[in-house]
Amino acid sequence: MALLAESVRILAGKGYRPSNVDVVVVCERPKIAPVADDIRKRLADVLDVPLDAVSLKGKSNEGMGWIGSGEGLAVHAVALVNRVRV
């Protein structure tokens, strides 16, 4: 979360702020659904956005590749960033 917080700080210094974010966590385990609300709350806090501006989904790699064998996970995130009007 430190890297995300630093990114938000840099954006703010340039006159931008996140508006919303869509996150997909790809892993076989642990299952994301039981902790999704906690992750969303933490992301919303760090991004300084409302909770409903954070979408989080967990996906499986269906046993394929290094993710499927449990050697790691991947996270895909897309954020809408808006210029702050002064």
N, C-alpha and C. Protein backbone atom coordinates (compact mmCIF):
# COMPACT_ATOMS: atom_id res chain seq x y z
N MET A 1 0.82 -1.19 0.00
CA MET A 1 0.00 0.00 0.00
C MET A 1 0.87 1.26 0.00
N ALA A 2 2.10 1.13 0.43
CA ALA A 2 2.98 2.30 0.46
C ALA A 2 3.23 2.84 -0.95
N LEU A 3 3.41 1.95 -1.92
CA LEU A 3 3.63 2.39 -3.30
C LEU A 3 2.38 3.08 -3.84
N LEU A 4 1.22 2.55 -3.54
CA LEU A 4 -0.03 3.17 -3.98
C LEU A 4 -0.20 4.55 -3.34
N ALA A 5 0.07 4.66 -2.05
CA ALA A 5 -0.04 5.95 -1.35
C ALA A 5 0.92 6.97 -1.95
N GLU A 6 2.13 6.53 -2.27
CA GLU A 6 3.11 7.44 -2.88
C GLU A 6 2.64 7.87 -4.27
N SER A 7 2.04 6.97 -5.02
CA SER A 7 1.51 7.32 -6.35
C SER A 7 0.40 8.35 -6.24
N VAL A 8 -0.48 8.19 -5.26
CA VAL A 8 -1.55 9.16 -5.04
C VAL A 8 -0.95 10.52 -4.67
N ARG A 9 0.09 10.50 -3.85
CA ARG A 9 0.74 11.75 -3.45
C ARG A 9 1.35 12.46 -4.65
N ILE A 10 2.01 11.71 -5.53
CA ILE A 10 2.63 12.29 -6.72
C ILE A 10 1.55 12.86 -7.64
N LEU A 11 0.47 12.12 -7.84
CA LEU A 11 -0.63 12.62 -8.65
C LEU A 11 -1.17 13.93 -8.10
N ALA A 12 -1.38 13.97 -6.79
CA ALA A 12 -1.90 15.19 -6.16
C ALA A 12 -0.97 16.36 -6.38
N GLY A 13 0.32 16.11 -6.34
CA GLY A 13 1.30 17.16 -6.58
C GLY A 13 1.24 17.71 -7.99
N LYS A 14 0.72 16.93 -8.91
CA LYS A 14 0.58 17.35 -10.31
C LYS A 14 -0.83 17.87 -10.61
N GLY A 15 -1.69 17.90 -9.59
CA GLY A 15 -3.03 18.41 -9.77
C GLY A 15 -4.06 17.38 -10.20
N TYR A 16 -3.80 16.10 -9.91
CA TYR A 16 -4.73 15.04 -10.27
C TYR A 16 -5.12 14.23 -9.05
N ARG A 17 -6.23 13.53 -9.17
CA ARG A 17 -6.64 12.62 -8.10
C ARG A 17 -7.43 11.47 -8.70
N PRO A 18 -7.35 10.29 -8.08
CA PRO A 18 -8.13 9.16 -8.57
C PRO A 18 -9.62 9.42 -8.38
N SER A 19 -10.40 8.95 -9.35
CA SER A 19 -11.84 9.06 -9.26
C SER A 19 -12.46 7.71 -8.90
N ASN A 20 -11.99 6.66 -9.58
CA ASN A 20 -12.42 5.30 -9.25
C ASN A 20 -11.37 4.32 -9.73
N VAL A 21 -11.51 3.08 -9.27
CA VAL A 21 -10.53 2.05 -9.62
C VAL A 21 -11.25 0.70 -9.76
N ASP A 22 -10.80 -0.08 -10.73
CA ASP A 22 -11.30 -1.43 -10.94
C ASP A 22 -10.11 -2.37 -10.81
N VAL A 23 -10.19 -3.32 -9.90
CA VAL A 23 -9.08 -4.21 -9.59
C VAL A 23 -9.52 -5.67 -9.78
N VAL A 24 -8.67 -6.45 -10.46
CA VAL A 24 -8.90 -7.88 -10.62
C VAL A 24 -7.68 -8.60 -10.05
N VAL A 25 -7.91 -9.47 -9.08
CA VAL A 25 -6.84 -10.29 -8.50
C VAL A 25 -6.98 -11.69 -9.08
N VAL A 26 -5.91 -12.17 -9.73
CA VAL A 26 -5.93 -13.49 -10.35
C VAL A 26 -5.06 -14.42 -9.51
N CYS A 27 -5.70 -15.42 -8.89
CA CYS A 27 -4.96 -16.39 -8.08
C CYS A 27 -5.83 -17.61 -7.85
N GLU A 28 -5.20 -18.71 -7.52
CA GLU A 28 -5.94 -19.92 -7.20
C GLU A 28 -6.37 -19.90 -5.74
N ARG A 29 -5.51 -19.42 -4.89
CA ARG A 29 -5.80 -19.27 -3.48
C ARG A 29 -4.88 -18.21 -2.91
N PRO A 30 -5.26 -17.48 -1.95
CA PRO A 30 -6.51 -17.61 -1.21
C PRO A 30 -7.69 -17.08 -2.03
N LYS A 31 -8.88 -17.45 -1.66
CA LYS A 31 -10.07 -16.93 -2.30
C LYS A 31 -10.23 -15.47 -1.88
N ILE A 32 -10.57 -14.63 -2.83
CA ILE A 32 -10.66 -13.19 -2.57
C ILE A 32 -12.00 -12.80 -1.95
N ALA A 33 -13.07 -13.47 -2.33
CA ALA A 33 -14.42 -13.08 -1.89
C ALA A 33 -14.54 -12.88 -0.37
N PRO A 34 -13.99 -13.76 0.46
CA PRO A 34 -14.16 -13.57 1.91
C PRO A 34 -13.50 -12.30 2.46
N VAL A 35 -12.50 -11.78 1.76
CA VAL A 35 -11.81 -10.58 2.26
C VAL A 35 -11.98 -9.37 1.34
N ALA A 36 -12.83 -9.51 0.33
CA ALA A 36 -12.98 -8.44 -0.67
C ALA A 36 -13.40 -7.11 -0.05
N ASP A 37 -14.34 -7.14 0.88
CA ASP A 37 -14.80 -5.89 1.49
C ASP A 37 -13.68 -5.19 2.26
N ASP A 38 -12.87 -5.97 2.97
CA ASP A 38 -11.74 -5.39 3.71
C ASP A 38 -10.72 -4.76 2.75
N ILE A 39 -10.45 -5.44 1.64
CA ILE A 39 -9.50 -4.91 0.66
C ILE A 39 -10.06 -3.64 0.03
N ARG A 40 -11.33 -3.67 -0.33
CA ARG A 40 -11.96 -2.47 -0.93
C ARG A 40 -11.88 -1.27 0.03
N LYS A 41 -12.16 -1.50 1.30
CA LYS A 41 -12.11 -0.41 2.29
C LYS A 41 -10.71 0.17 2.40
N ARG A 42 -9.72 -0.70 2.43
CA ARG A 42 -8.32 -0.24 2.54
C ARG A 42 -7.92 0.55 1.30
N LEU A 43 -8.28 0.04 0.11
CA LEU A 43 -7.97 0.76 -1.12
C LEU A 43 -8.67 2.11 -1.15
N ALA A 44 -9.94 2.15 -0.76
CA ALA A 44 -10.67 3.41 -0.74
C ALA A 44 -10.01 4.42 0.20
N ASP A 45 -9.54 3.94 1.35
CA ASP A 45 -8.85 4.84 2.29
C ASP A 45 -7.58 5.41 1.68
N VAL A 46 -6.76 4.55 1.10
CA VAL A 46 -5.48 5.00 0.54
C VAL A 46 -5.70 5.92 -0.66
N LEU A 47 -6.69 5.59 -1.49
CA LEU A 47 -6.97 6.40 -2.68
C LEU A 47 -7.77 7.66 -2.35
N ASP A 48 -8.34 7.71 -1.15
CA ASP A 48 -9.19 8.82 -0.72
C ASP A 48 -10.38 8.98 -1.66
N VAL A 49 -11.05 7.85 -1.91
CA VAL A 49 -12.26 7.84 -2.73
C VAL A 49 -13.36 7.13 -1.95
N PRO A 50 -14.62 7.35 -2.33
CA PRO A 50 -15.71 6.62 -1.66
C PRO A 50 -15.60 5.11 -1.91
N LEU A 51 -16.12 4.33 -1.00
CA LEU A 51 -16.06 2.88 -1.11
C LEU A 51 -16.70 2.40 -2.42
N ASP A 52 -17.77 3.04 -2.85
CA ASP A 52 -18.43 2.58 -4.08
C ASP A 52 -17.64 2.94 -5.34
N ALA A 53 -16.52 3.63 -5.19
CA ALA A 53 -15.65 3.93 -6.33
C ALA A 53 -14.55 2.88 -6.51
N VAL A 54 -14.58 1.84 -5.68
CA VAL A 54 -13.59 0.77 -5.76
C VAL A 54 -14.29 -0.55 -6.10
N SER A 55 -13.93 -1.10 -7.24
CA SER A 55 -14.45 -2.40 -7.67
C SER A 55 -13.33 -3.42 -7.53
N LEU A 56 -13.64 -4.57 -6.95
CA LEU A 56 -12.64 -5.61 -6.74
C LEU A 56 -13.25 -6.96 -7.09
N LYS A 57 -12.53 -7.71 -7.92
CA LYS A 57 -12.97 -9.04 -8.31
C LYS A 57 -11.82 -10.02 -8.15
N GLY A 58 -12.15 -11.22 -7.78
CA GLY A 58 -11.17 -12.30 -7.74
C GLY A 58 -11.44 -13.26 -8.88
N LYS A 59 -10.40 -13.67 -9.56
CA LYS A 59 -10.51 -14.62 -10.67
C LYS A 59 -9.51 -15.74 -10.47
N SER A 60 -9.82 -16.90 -11.03
CA SER A 60 -8.92 -18.04 -11.00
C SER A 60 -8.22 -18.13 -12.35
N ASN A 61 -7.06 -18.73 -12.38
CA ASN A 61 -6.36 -18.96 -13.64
C ASN A 61 -6.62 -20.38 -14.12
N GLU A 62 -7.63 -21.02 -13.51
CA GLU A 62 -8.08 -22.36 -13.92
C GLU A 62 -6.95 -23.39 -13.95
N GLY A 63 -6.01 -23.26 -13.02
CA GLY A 63 -4.92 -24.23 -12.92
C GLY A 63 -3.83 -24.07 -13.96
N MET A 64 -3.89 -23.03 -14.77
CA MET A 64 -2.93 -22.83 -15.86
C MET A 64 -1.75 -21.97 -15.43
N GLY A 65 -0.55 -22.33 -15.91
CA GLY A 65 0.65 -21.51 -15.72
C GLY A 65 1.09 -21.41 -14.28
N TRP A 66 1.99 -20.45 -14.06
CA TRP A 66 2.56 -20.28 -12.73
C TRP A 66 1.55 -19.78 -11.72
N ILE A 67 0.55 -19.03 -12.17
CA ILE A 67 -0.51 -18.60 -11.25
C ILE A 67 -1.35 -19.81 -10.87
N GLY A 68 -1.72 -20.60 -11.85
CA GLY A 68 -2.54 -21.78 -11.61
C GLY A 68 -1.88 -22.81 -10.73
N SER A 69 -0.55 -22.87 -10.78
CA SER A 69 0.16 -23.85 -9.94
C SER A 69 0.40 -23.31 -8.53
N GLY A 70 -0.06 -22.09 -8.27
CA GLY A 70 0.06 -21.52 -6.93
C GLY A 70 1.39 -20.86 -6.65
N GLU A 71 2.20 -20.61 -7.69
CA GLU A 71 3.51 -19.99 -7.50
C GLU A 71 3.43 -18.48 -7.32
N GLY A 72 2.30 -17.90 -7.60
CA GLY A 72 2.16 -16.45 -7.45
C GLY A 72 0.77 -16.01 -7.81
N LEU A 73 0.61 -14.72 -7.93
CA LEU A 73 -0.67 -14.15 -8.32
C LEU A 73 -0.41 -12.94 -9.19
N ALA A 74 -1.46 -12.46 -9.83
CA ALA A 74 -1.37 -11.26 -10.66
C ALA A 74 -2.50 -10.32 -10.25
N VAL A 75 -2.24 -9.04 -10.39
CA VAL A 75 -3.27 -8.04 -10.12
C VAL A 75 -3.31 -7.08 -11.29
N HIS A 76 -4.52 -6.87 -11.81
CA HIS A 76 -4.73 -5.90 -12.89
C HIS A 76 -5.58 -4.77 -12.31
N ALA A 77 -5.12 -3.55 -12.46
CA ALA A 77 -5.87 -2.42 -11.93
C ALA A 77 -5.94 -1.31 -12.96
N VAL A 78 -7.12 -0.74 -13.09
CA VAL A 78 -7.33 0.40 -13.98
C VAL A 78 -7.98 1.50 -13.15
N ALA A 79 -7.42 2.69 -13.23
CA ALA A 79 -7.95 3.81 -12.46
C ALA A 79 -8.32 4.96 -13.38
N LEU A 80 -9.42 5.60 -13.08
CA LEU A 80 -9.79 6.85 -13.74
C LEU A 80 -9.20 7.97 -12.88
N VAL A 81 -8.42 8.82 -13.52
CA VAL A 81 -7.74 9.91 -12.81
C VAL A 81 -8.24 11.22 -13.41
N ASN A 82 -8.70 12.12 -12.55
CA ASN A 82 -9.21 13.42 -13.02
C ASN A 82 -8.36 14.56 -12.55
N ARG A 83 -8.34 15.61 -13.34
CA ARG A 83 -7.65 16.84 -12.94
C ARG A 83 -8.49 17.52 -11.88
N VAL A 84 -7.85 18.01 -10.85
CA VAL A 84 -8.53 18.71 -9.77
C VAL A 84 -8.77 20.15 -10.22
N ARG A 85 -10.02 20.55 -10.16
CA ARG A 85 -10.36 21.94 -10.53
C ARG A 85 -10.13 22.85 -9.34
N VAL A 86 -9.44 23.92 -9.60
CA VAL A 86 -9.11 24.85 -8.50
C VAL A 86 -10.08 26.01 -8.49
